[in-house]
């Protein structure tokens, strides 16, 4: 009993530490979720800030909880500051990758090269931005695969943002046979373009002969539309022009070669 009594203060402190850690973890999660919901429900705040600020709040609360737990075991705040100051160099060297991710996350929030919901290509990896936290950027590919990318990698890579502007240009190329009527083919494409309301009148649709290929005369088409309509318009134009060509005797030739035989 005397030995148990000697360990009683340590057991009590350990119990307090466990309570602090559990309660702190729960509170940190609740605060993070609250901040995220508030940001995402507000129309005046960019939703990209939700994950970033919620992660800062969560890790900040956990840091305070850890300091409180250490104080339970007799570590004073001044002593903790001195220890942290002495160990800062070692910690910085050990966690330089993590610290660079944090710094990159701050830069991404300040300069906003992409936001939640936008479709981007980051260093050759393409997807829709699902979340941006203090450490990572999460992308979701068109086939619903999640990609977690450290912010340091994202900030140091070439970023192509396909959703940054409200409008995009659709570029198409249609090949016709050398024996077909070029003006007729252009007129058919023009009629298909004019029939689709998603095509913007300004800038004016552009249809020209762009190349004389080995097997075809290539017609280039450039159309402007809302960014959200880009893919559906591209697919629709390809299909409708093919149907118009078929119905009006315009052929899309296969690549072919002409062989010439000479008699001795």
C-alpha atoms as a PDB file:
ATOM      1  CA  UNK A   1       0.000   0.000   0.000  1.00  0.00           C
ATOM      2  CA  UNK A   2       2.849   2.358   0.767  1.00  0.00           C
ATOM      3  CA  UNK A   3       4.374   1.704  -2.673  1.00  0.00           C
ATOM      4  CA  UNK A   4       0.992   2.303  -4.313  1.00  0.00           C
ATOM      5  CA  UNK A   5       0.671   5.551  -2.374  1.00  0.00           C
ATOM      6  CA  UNK A   6       4.062   6.647  -3.640  1.00  0.00           C
ATOM      7  CA  UNK A   7       2.915   6.183  -7.221  1.00  0.00           C
ATOM      8  CA  UNK A   8      -0.489   7.796  -6.609  1.00  0.00           C
ATOM      9  CA  UNK A   9       0.530  11.325  -7.801  1.00  0.00           C
ATOM     10  CA  UNK A  10       2.038   9.862 -10.973  1.00  0.00           C
ATOM     11  CA  UNK A  11      -1.087   7.807 -11.679  1.00  0.00           C
ATOM     12  CA  UNK A  12      -3.289  10.835 -11.078  1.00  0.00           C
ATOM     13  CA  UNK A  13      -1.172  12.935 -13.442  1.00  0.00           C
ATOM     14  CA  UNK A  14      -1.275  10.166 -16.044  1.00  0.00           C
ATOM     15  CA  UNK A  15      -5.069  10.022 -15.756  1.00  0.00           C
ATOM     16  CA  UNK A  16      -5.251  13.814 -16.160  1.00  0.00           C
ATOM     17  CA  UNK A  17      -2.977  13.617 -19.198  1.00  0.00           C
ATOM     18  CA  UNK A  18      -5.182  10.978 -20.827  1.00  0.00           C
ATOM     19  CA  UNK A  19      -8.287  13.073 -20.139  1.00  0.00           C
ATOM     20  CA  UNK A  20      -6.613  16.186 -21.574  1.00  0.00           C
ATOM     21  CA  UNK A  21      -5.527  14.311 -24.691  1.00  0.00           C
ATOM     22  CA  UNK A  22      -8.923  12.727 -25.324  1.00  0.00           C
ATOM     23  CA  UNK A  23     -10.896  15.907 -24.651  1.00  0.00           C
ATOM     24  CA  UNK A  24      -8.402  18.007 -26.621  1.00  0.00           C
ATOM     25  CA  UNK A  25      -8.587  15.675 -29.606  1.00  0.00           C
ATOM     26  CA  UNK A  26     -12.384  15.746 -29.555  1.00  0.00           C
ATOM     27  CA  UNK A  27     -12.497  19.537 -29.196  1.00  0.00           C
ATOM     28  CA  UNK A  28      -9.925  19.995 -31.985  1.00  0.00           C
ATOM     29  CA  UNK A  29     -12.037  17.858 -34.316  1.00  0.00           C
ATOM     30  CA  UNK A  30     -15.239  19.711 -33.399  1.00  0.00           C
ATOM     31  CA  UNK A  31     -13.641  23.124 -33.927  1.00  0.00           C
ATOM     32  CA  UNK A  32     -12.149  22.033 -37.269  1.00  0.00           C
ATOM     33  CA  UNK A  33     -15.513  20.736 -38.494  1.00  0.00           C
ATOM     34  CA  UNK A  34     -17.269  23.888 -37.283  1.00  0.00           C
ATOM     35  CA  UNK A  35     -14.842  26.159 -39.152  1.00  0.00           C
ATOM     36  CA  UNK A  36     -15.130  24.068 -42.314  1.00  0.00           C
ATOM     37  CA  UNK A  37     -18.947  24.137 -42.223  1.00  0.00           C
ATOM     38  CA  UNK A  38     -19.034  27.873 -41.603  1.00  0.00           C
ATOM     39  CA  UNK A  39     -16.668  28.600 -44.483  1.00  0.00           C
ATOM     40  CA  UNK A  40     -18.416  26.249 -46.905  1.00  0.00           C
ATOM     41  CA  UNK A  41     -21.856  27.676 -46.033  1.00  0.00           C
ATOM     42  CA  UNK A  42     -20.747  31.282 -46.550  1.00  0.00           C
ATOM     43  CA  UNK A  43     -21.135  32.813 -50.010  1.00  0.00           C
ATOM     44  CA  UNK A  44     -18.558  35.525 -49.301  1.00  0.00           C
ATOM     45  CA  UNK A  45     -15.673  33.211 -48.319  1.00  0.00           C
ATOM     46  CA  UNK A  46     -13.810  31.006 -50.790  1.00  0.00           C
ATOM     47  CA  UNK A  47     -14.450  27.351 -49.974  1.00  0.00           C
ATOM     48  CA  UNK A  48     -10.744  26.630 -50.460  1.00  0.00           C
ATOM     49  CA  UNK A  49     -10.109  28.345 -47.119  1.00  0.00           C
ATOM     50  CA  UNK A  50     -12.314  25.851 -45.279  1.00  0.00           C
ATOM     51  CA  UNK A  51      -9.899  22.931 -45.248  1.00  0.00           C
ATOM     52  CA  UNK A  52      -6.864  25.178 -44.776  1.00  0.00           C
ATOM     53  CA  UNK A  53      -8.120  27.103 -41.738  1.00  0.00           C
ATOM     54  CA  UNK A  54      -9.770  24.057 -40.185  1.00  0.00           C
ATOM     55  CA  UNK A  55      -6.482  22.143 -40.323  1.00  0.00           C
ATOM     56  CA  UNK A  56      -4.631  25.102 -38.777  1.00  0.00           C
ATOM     57  CA  UNK A  57      -7.182  25.270 -35.940  1.00  0.00           C
ATOM     58  CA  UNK A  58      -7.019  21.511 -35.345  1.00  0.00           C
ATOM     59  CA  UNK A  59      -3.236  21.296 -35.121  1.00  0.00           C
ATOM     60  CA  UNK A  60      -3.038  24.520 -33.119  1.00  0.00           C
ATOM     61  CA  UNK A  61      -5.422  23.152 -30.464  1.00  0.00           C
ATOM     62  CA  UNK A  62      -3.535  19.853 -30.351  1.00  0.00           C
ATOM     63  CA  UNK A  63      -0.273  21.757 -29.799  1.00  0.00           C
ATOM     64  CA  UNK A  64      -1.815  23.606 -26.845  1.00  0.00           C
ATOM     65  CA  UNK A  65      -3.123  20.314 -25.446  1.00  0.00           C
ATOM     66  CA  UNK A  66       0.316  18.705 -25.633  1.00  0.00           C
ATOM     67  CA  UNK A  67       1.871  21.665 -23.810  1.00  0.00           C
ATOM     68  CA  UNK A  68      -0.839  21.394 -21.124  1.00  0.00           C
ATOM     69  CA  UNK A  69      -0.139  17.659 -20.737  1.00  0.00           C
ATOM     70  CA  UNK A  70       3.569  18.309 -20.298  1.00  0.00           C
ATOM     71  CA  UNK A  71       2.773  20.909 -17.634  1.00  0.00           C
ATOM     72  CA  UNK A  72       0.744  18.295 -15.780  1.00  0.00           C
ATOM     73  CA  UNK A  73       3.939  16.278 -15.407  1.00  0.00           C
ATOM     74  CA  UNK A  74       5.806  19.276 -14.011  1.00  0.00           C
ATOM     75  CA  UNK A  75       7.273  20.891 -17.115  1.00  0.00           C
ATOM     76  CA  UNK A  76       7.007  24.673 -16.834  1.00  0.00           C
ATOM     77  CA  UNK A  77       6.105  26.847 -19.798  1.00  0.00           C
ATOM     78  CA  UNK A  78       9.420  28.705 -19.628  1.00  0.00           C
ATOM     79  CA  UNK A  79      11.291  25.411 -19.587  1.00  0.00           C
ATOM     80  CA  UNK A  80       9.279  24.193 -22.569  1.00  0.00           C
ATOM     81  CA  UNK A  81      10.147  27.326 -24.521  1.00  0.00           C
ATOM     82  CA  UNK A  82      13.829  26.841 -23.737  1.00  0.00           C
ATOM     83  CA  UNK A  83      13.702  23.169 -24.772  1.00  0.00           C
ATOM     84  CA  UNK A  84      11.836  23.976 -27.961  1.00  0.00           C
ATOM     85  CA  UNK A  85      14.304  26.735 -28.778  1.00  0.00           C
ATOM     86  CA  UNK A  86      17.262  24.398 -28.302  1.00  0.00           C
ATOM     87  CA  UNK A  87      15.621  21.640 -30.342  1.00  0.00           C
ATOM     88  CA  UNK A  88      14.256  23.879 -33.111  1.00  0.00           C
ATOM     89  CA  UNK A  89      17.259  23.344 -35.379  1.00  0.00           C
ATOM     90  CA  UNK A  90      17.088  19.552 -35.086  1.00  0.00           C
ATOM     91  CA  UNK A  91      13.325  19.558 -35.561  1.00  0.00           C
ATOM     92  CA  UNK A  92      13.628  21.842 -38.565  1.00  0.00           C
ATOM     93  CA  UNK A  93      16.174  19.560 -40.214  1.00  0.00           C
ATOM     94  CA  UNK A  94      14.140  16.448 -39.468  1.00  0.00           C
ATOM     95  CA  UNK A  95      10.880  17.956 -40.669  1.00  0.00           C
ATOM     96  CA  UNK A  96      12.131  20.181 -43.461  1.00  0.00           C
ATOM     97  CA  UNK A  97       9.848  18.414 -45.962  1.00  0.00           C
ATOM     98  CA  UNK A  98       6.807  18.927 -43.744  1.00  0.00           C
ATOM     99  CA  UNK A  99       7.722  22.545 -43.038  1.00  0.00           C
ATOM    100  CA  UNK A 100       8.118  23.208 -46.760  1.00  0.00           C
ATOM    101  CA  UNK A 101       4.641  21.731 -47.291  1.00  0.00           C
ATOM    102  CA  UNK A 102       3.238  24.154 -44.706  1.00  0.00           C
ATOM    103  CA  UNK A 103       5.012  27.099 -46.331  1.00  0.00           C
ATOM    104  CA  UNK A 104       3.792  25.976 -49.755  1.00  0.00           C
ATOM    105  CA  UNK A 105       0.244  25.677 -48.393  1.00  0.00           C
ATOM    106  CA  UNK A 106       0.417  29.277 -47.210  1.00  0.00           C
ATOM    107  CA  UNK A 107       1.652  30.387 -50.634  1.00  0.00           C
ATOM    108  CA  UNK A 108      -1.141  28.457 -52.373  1.00  0.00           C
ATOM    109  CA  UNK A 109      -3.727  30.187 -50.183  1.00  0.00           C
ATOM    110  CA  UNK A 110      -2.207  33.632 -50.805  1.00  0.00           C
ATOM    111  CA  UNK A 111      -1.778  33.387 -54.596  1.00  0.00           C
ATOM    112  CA  UNK A 112      -4.728  31.052 -55.320  1.00  0.00           C
ATOM    113  CA  UNK A 113      -3.492  29.256 -58.457  1.00  0.00           C
ATOM    114  CA  UNK A 114      -6.443  26.894 -57.957  1.00  0.00           C
ATOM    115  CA  UNK A 115      -9.503  26.560 -55.765  1.00  0.00           C
ATOM    116  CA  UNK A 116     -11.773  23.797 -54.528  1.00  0.00           C
ATOM    117  CA  UNK A 117     -13.986  22.527 -57.352  1.00  0.00           C
ATOM    118  CA  UNK A 118     -11.677  23.580 -60.195  1.00  0.00           C
ATOM    119  CA  UNK A 119     -10.201  21.123 -62.700  1.00  0.00           C
ATOM    120  CA  UNK A 120      -6.420  21.443 -62.807  1.00  0.00           C
ATOM    121  CA  UNK A 121      -3.268  19.735 -64.027  1.00  0.00           C
ATOM    122  CA  UNK A 122      -0.459  19.883 -61.453  1.00  0.00           C
ATOM    123  CA  UNK A 123       2.858  18.635 -62.763  1.00  0.00           C
ATOM    124  CA  UNK A 124       1.154  16.173 -65.111  1.00  0.00           C
ATOM    125  CA  UNK A 125      -1.448  14.975 -62.589  1.00  0.00           C
ATOM    126  CA  UNK A 126      -4.962  16.125 -63.532  1.00  0.00           C
ATOM    127  CA  UNK A 127      -8.145  16.160 -61.471  1.00  0.00           C
ATOM    128  CA  UNK A 128     -10.732  18.264 -59.680  1.00  0.00           C
ATOM    129  CA  UNK A 129      -9.518  19.957 -56.496  1.00  0.00           C
ATOM    130  CA  UNK A 130     -11.417  18.388 -53.594  1.00  0.00           C
ATOM    131  CA  UNK A 131      -9.558  19.849 -50.628  1.00  0.00           C
ATOM    132  CA  UNK A 132      -6.583  22.036 -49.707  1.00  0.00           C
ATOM    133  CA  UNK A 133      -5.192  21.628 -46.184  1.00  0.00           C
ATOM    134  CA  UNK A 134      -2.096  23.014 -44.518  1.00  0.00           C
ATOM    135  CA  UNK A 135      -0.085  19.962 -45.648  1.00  0.00           C
ATOM    136  CA  UNK A 136      -1.691  18.491 -48.770  1.00  0.00           C
ATOM    137  CA  UNK A 137      -3.837  19.072 -51.848  1.00  0.00           C
ATOM    138  CA  UNK A 138      -6.401  16.402 -52.719  1.00  0.00           C
ATOM    139  CA  UNK A 139      -7.441  15.833 -56.325  1.00  0.00           C
ATOM    140  CA  UNK A 140     -10.169  13.572 -57.677  1.00  0.00           C
ATOM    141  CA  UNK A 141      -9.661  12.224 -61.196  1.00  0.00           C
ATOM    142  CA  UNK A 142     -12.534  11.885 -63.705  1.00  0.00           C
ATOM    143  CA  UNK A 143     -12.686   8.148 -62.911  1.00  0.00           C
ATOM    144  CA  UNK A 144     -13.129   8.989 -59.189  1.00  0.00           C
ATOM    145  CA  UNK A 145      -9.629   8.177 -57.946  1.00  0.00           C
ATOM    146  CA  UNK A 146      -8.334  10.324 -55.070  1.00  0.00           C
ATOM    147  CA  UNK A 147      -4.797  11.703 -55.356  1.00  0.00           C
ATOM    148  CA  UNK A 148      -3.106  13.221 -52.290  1.00  0.00           C
ATOM    149  CA  UNK A 149      -0.297  15.586 -53.250  1.00  0.00           C
ATOM    150  CA  UNK A 150       2.048  17.339 -50.773  1.00  0.00           C
ATOM    151  CA  UNK A 151       1.717  21.093 -51.075  1.00  0.00           C
ATOM    152  CA  UNK A 152       5.473  21.393 -51.649  1.00  0.00           C
ATOM    153  CA  UNK A 153       5.150  19.285 -54.800  1.00  0.00           C
ATOM    154  CA  UNK A 154       2.129  21.277 -55.974  1.00  0.00           C
ATOM    155  CA  UNK A 155       3.734  24.681 -55.425  1.00  0.00           C
ATOM    156  CA  UNK A 156       6.923  23.649 -57.215  1.00  0.00           C
ATOM    157  CA  UNK A 157       5.153  22.193 -60.249  1.00  0.00           C
ATOM    158  CA  UNK A 158       3.641  23.717 -63.397  1.00  0.00           C
ATOM    159  CA  UNK A 159      -0.059  24.311 -62.672  1.00  0.00           C
ATOM    160  CA  UNK A 160      -2.572  24.348 -65.538  1.00  0.00           C
ATOM    161  CA  UNK A 161      -5.990  25.543 -64.373  1.00  0.00           C
ATOM    162  CA  UNK A 162      -8.695  24.626 -66.879  1.00  0.00           C
ATOM    163  CA  UNK A 163     -11.437  26.234 -64.762  1.00  0.00           C
ATOM    164  CA  UNK A 164      -9.791  29.576 -64.030  1.00  0.00           C
ATOM    165  CA  UNK A 165     -11.679  31.419 -66.814  1.00  0.00           C
ATOM    166  CA  UNK A 166     -15.394  31.468 -67.522  1.00  0.00           C
ATOM    167  CA  UNK A 167     -14.958  30.634 -71.223  1.00  0.00           C
ATOM    168  CA  UNK A 168     -12.831  28.196 -73.220  1.00  0.00           C
ATOM    169  CA  UNK A 169     -12.054  27.609 -76.884  1.00  0.00           C
ATOM    170  CA  UNK A 170     -12.917  24.293 -78.507  1.00  0.00           C
ATOM    171  CA  UNK A 171     -10.466  23.312 -81.256  1.00  0.00           C
ATOM    172  CA  UNK A 172     -11.548  20.672 -83.773  1.00  0.00           C
ATOM    173  CA  UNK A 173     -10.077  19.305 -87.003  1.00  0.00           C
ATOM    174  CA  UNK A 174     -12.077  17.525 -89.722  1.00  0.00           C
ATOM    175  CA  UNK A 175     -10.449  15.859 -92.722  1.00  0.00           C
ATOM    176  CA  UNK A 176     -12.273  15.590 -96.059  1.00  0.00           C
ATOM    177  CA  UNK A 177     -11.348  13.899 -99.314  1.00  0.00           C
ATOM    178  CA  UNK A 178      -9.462  15.863-101.975  1.00  0.00           C
ATOM    179  CA  UNK A 179     -12.341  15.218-104.378  1.00  0.00           C
ATOM    180  CA  UNK A 180     -14.975  16.753-102.070  1.00  0.00           C
ATOM    181  CA  UNK A 181     -16.300  20.299-102.287  1.00  0.00           C
ATOM    182  CA  UNK A 182     -14.398  22.285 -99.664  1.00  0.00           C
ATOM    183  CA  UNK A 183     -16.871  25.187 -99.588  1.00  0.00           C
ATOM    184  CA  UNK A 184     -19.760  22.762 -99.138  1.00  0.00           C
ATOM    185  CA  UNK A 185     -17.992  21.070 -96.228  1.00  0.00           C
ATOM    186  CA  UNK A 186     -17.321  24.429 -94.576  1.00  0.00           C
ATOM    187  CA  UNK A 187     -20.977  25.403 -95.076  1.00  0.00           C
ATOM    188  CA  UNK A 188     -22.131  22.147 -93.429  1.00  0.00           C
ATOM    189  CA  UNK A 189     -19.864  22.726 -90.446  1.00  0.00           C
ATOM    190  CA  UNK A 190     -21.152  26.295 -90.189  1.00  0.00           C
ATOM    191  CA  UNK A 191     -24.767  25.075 -90.101  1.00  0.00           C
ATOM    192  CA  UNK A 192     -23.971  22.590 -87.322  1.00  0.00           C
ATOM    193  CA  UNK A 193     -22.188  25.303 -85.336  1.00  0.00           C
ATOM    194  CA  UNK A 194     -25.025  27.810 -85.752  1.00  0.00           C
ATOM    195  CA  UNK A 195     -27.567  25.232 -84.570  1.00  0.00           C
ATOM    196  CA  UNK A 196     -25.867  24.726 -81.191  1.00  0.00           C
ATOM    197  CA  UNK A 197     -26.823  27.434 -78.683  1.00  0.00           C
ATOM    198  CA  UNK A 198     -23.792  26.709 -76.495  1.00  0.00           C
ATOM    199  CA  UNK A 199     -21.478  28.264 -79.089  1.00  0.00           C
ATOM    200  CA  UNK A 200     -20.777  31.935 -78.383  1.00  0.00           C
ATOM    201  CA  UNK A 201     -21.391  34.477 -81.113  1.00  0.00           C
ATOM    202  CA  UNK A 202     -18.389  36.471 -79.867  1.00  0.00           C
ATOM    203  CA  UNK A 203     -15.627  35.700 -80.566  1.00  0.00           C
ATOM    204  CA  UNK A 204     -17.031  34.616 -83.923  1.00  0.00           C
ATOM    205  CA  UNK A 205     -16.679  30.909 -84.798  1.00  0.00           C
ATOM    206  CA  UNK A 206     -13.618  30.324 -86.985  1.00  0.00           C
ATOM    207  CA  UNK A 207     -13.608  27.708 -89.799  1.00  0.00           C
ATOM    208  CA  UNK A 208     -10.687  27.524 -92.247  1.00  0.00           C
ATOM    209  CA  UNK A 209      -8.633  25.136 -94.371  1.00  0.00           C
ATOM    210  CA  UNK A 210      -5.562  24.594 -92.217  1.00  0.00           C
ATOM    211  CA  UNK A 211      -3.611  21.834 -93.922  1.00  0.00           C
ATOM    212  CA  UNK A 212      -3.249  19.826 -97.110  1.00  0.00           C
ATOM    213  CA  UNK A 213      -2.378  16.400 -95.752  1.00  0.00           C
ATOM    214  CA  UNK A 214      -1.185  13.228 -97.432  1.00  0.00           C
ATOM    215  CA  UNK A 215      -4.717  11.817 -97.560  1.00  0.00           C
ATOM    216  CA  UNK A 216      -7.079  14.661 -96.685  1.00  0.00           C
ATOM    217  CA  UNK A 217      -7.846  18.345 -96.754  1.00  0.00           C
ATOM    218  CA  UNK A 218      -7.968  19.375 -93.086  1.00  0.00           C
ATOM    219  CA  UNK A 219     -10.550  21.896 -91.907  1.00  0.00           C
ATOM    220  CA  UNK A 220      -9.879  23.642 -88.596  1.00  0.00           C
ATOM    221  CA  UNK A 221     -12.740  24.800 -86.359  1.00  0.00           C
ATOM    222  CA  UNK A 222     -12.390  27.095 -83.327  1.00  0.00           C
ATOM    223  CA  UNK A 223     -15.417  27.775 -81.141  1.00  0.00           C
ATOM    224  CA  UNK A 224     -15.853  29.631 -77.848  1.00  0.00           C
ATOM    225  CA  UNK A 225     -18.204  28.397 -75.133  1.00  0.00           C
ATOM    226  CA  UNK A 226     -18.744  28.436 -71.373  1.00  0.00           C
ATOM    227  CA  UNK A 227     -16.051  26.453 -69.577  1.00  0.00           C
ATOM    228  CA  UNK A 228     -18.678  24.098 -68.141  1.00  0.00           C
ATOM    229  CA  UNK A 229     -19.873  23.213 -71.669  1.00  0.00           C
ATOM    230  CA  UNK A 230     -16.435  22.472 -73.114  1.00  0.00           C
ATOM    231  CA  UNK A 231     -16.428  18.664 -73.223  1.00  0.00           C
ATOM    232  CA  UNK A 232     -20.092  18.179 -74.108  1.00  0.00           C
ATOM    233  CA  UNK A 233     -19.810  20.708 -76.935  1.00  0.00           C
ATOM    234  CA  UNK A 234     -16.640  19.063 -78.244  1.00  0.00           C
ATOM    235  CA  UNK A 235     -18.278  15.637 -78.285  1.00  0.00           C
ATOM    236  CA  UNK A 236     -21.506  16.981 -79.809  1.00  0.00           C
ATOM    237  CA  UNK A 237     -19.707  18.872 -82.587  1.00  0.00           C
ATOM    238  CA  UNK A 238     -17.688  15.791 -83.548  1.00  0.00           C
ATOM    239  CA  UNK A 239     -20.819  13.671 -83.784  1.00  0.00           C
ATOM    240  CA  UNK A 240     -23.046  16.198 -85.562  1.00  0.00           C
ATOM    241  CA  UNK A 241     -20.444  17.131 -88.179  1.00  0.00           C
ATOM    242  CA  UNK A 242     -19.885  13.435 -88.948  1.00  0.00           C
ATOM    243  CA  UNK A 243     -23.648  12.966 -89.452  1.00  0.00           C
ATOM    244  CA  UNK A 244     -23.864  16.100 -91.643  1.00  0.00           C
ATOM    245  CA  UNK A 245     -20.985  14.877 -93.815  1.00  0.00           C
ATOM    246  CA  UNK A 246     -22.543  11.423 -94.206  1.00  0.00           C
ATOM    247  CA  UNK A 247     -25.938  12.870 -95.176  1.00  0.00           C
ATOM    248  CA  UNK A 248     -24.425  15.195 -97.789  1.00  0.00           C
ATOM    249  CA  UNK A 249     -21.845  13.010 -99.495  1.00  0.00           C
ATOM    250  CA  UNK A 250     -18.746  14.454 -97.822  1.00  0.00           C
ATOM    251  CA  UNK A 251     -16.284  11.653 -97.073  1.00  0.00           C
ATOM    252  CA  UNK A 252     -13.733  11.458 -94.294  1.00  0.00           C
ATOM    253  CA  UNK A 253     -10.895   9.520 -95.956  1.00  0.00           C
ATOM    254  CA  UNK A 254      -8.762   6.811 -94.447  1.00  0.00           C
ATOM    255  CA  UNK A 255      -5.009   7.309 -94.772  1.00  0.00           C
ATOM    256  CA  UNK A 256      -3.897   5.725 -98.030  1.00  0.00           C
ATOM    257  CA  UNK A 257      -0.885   5.482-100.285  1.00  0.00           C
ATOM    258  CA  UNK A 258      -0.638   5.392-104.050  1.00  0.00           C
ATOM    259  CA  UNK A 259       1.761   2.881-105.564  1.00  0.00           C
ATOM    260  CA  UNK A 260       3.169   3.489-109.063  1.00  0.00           C
ATOM    261  CA  UNK A 261       4.609   0.512-110.969  1.00  0.00           C
ATOM    262  CA  UNK A 262       6.957   1.088-113.892  1.00  0.00           C
ATOM    263  CA  UNK A 263       7.575  -1.462-116.575  1.00  0.00           C
ATOM    264  CA  UNK A 264      11.155  -2.186-117.427  1.00  0.00           C
END
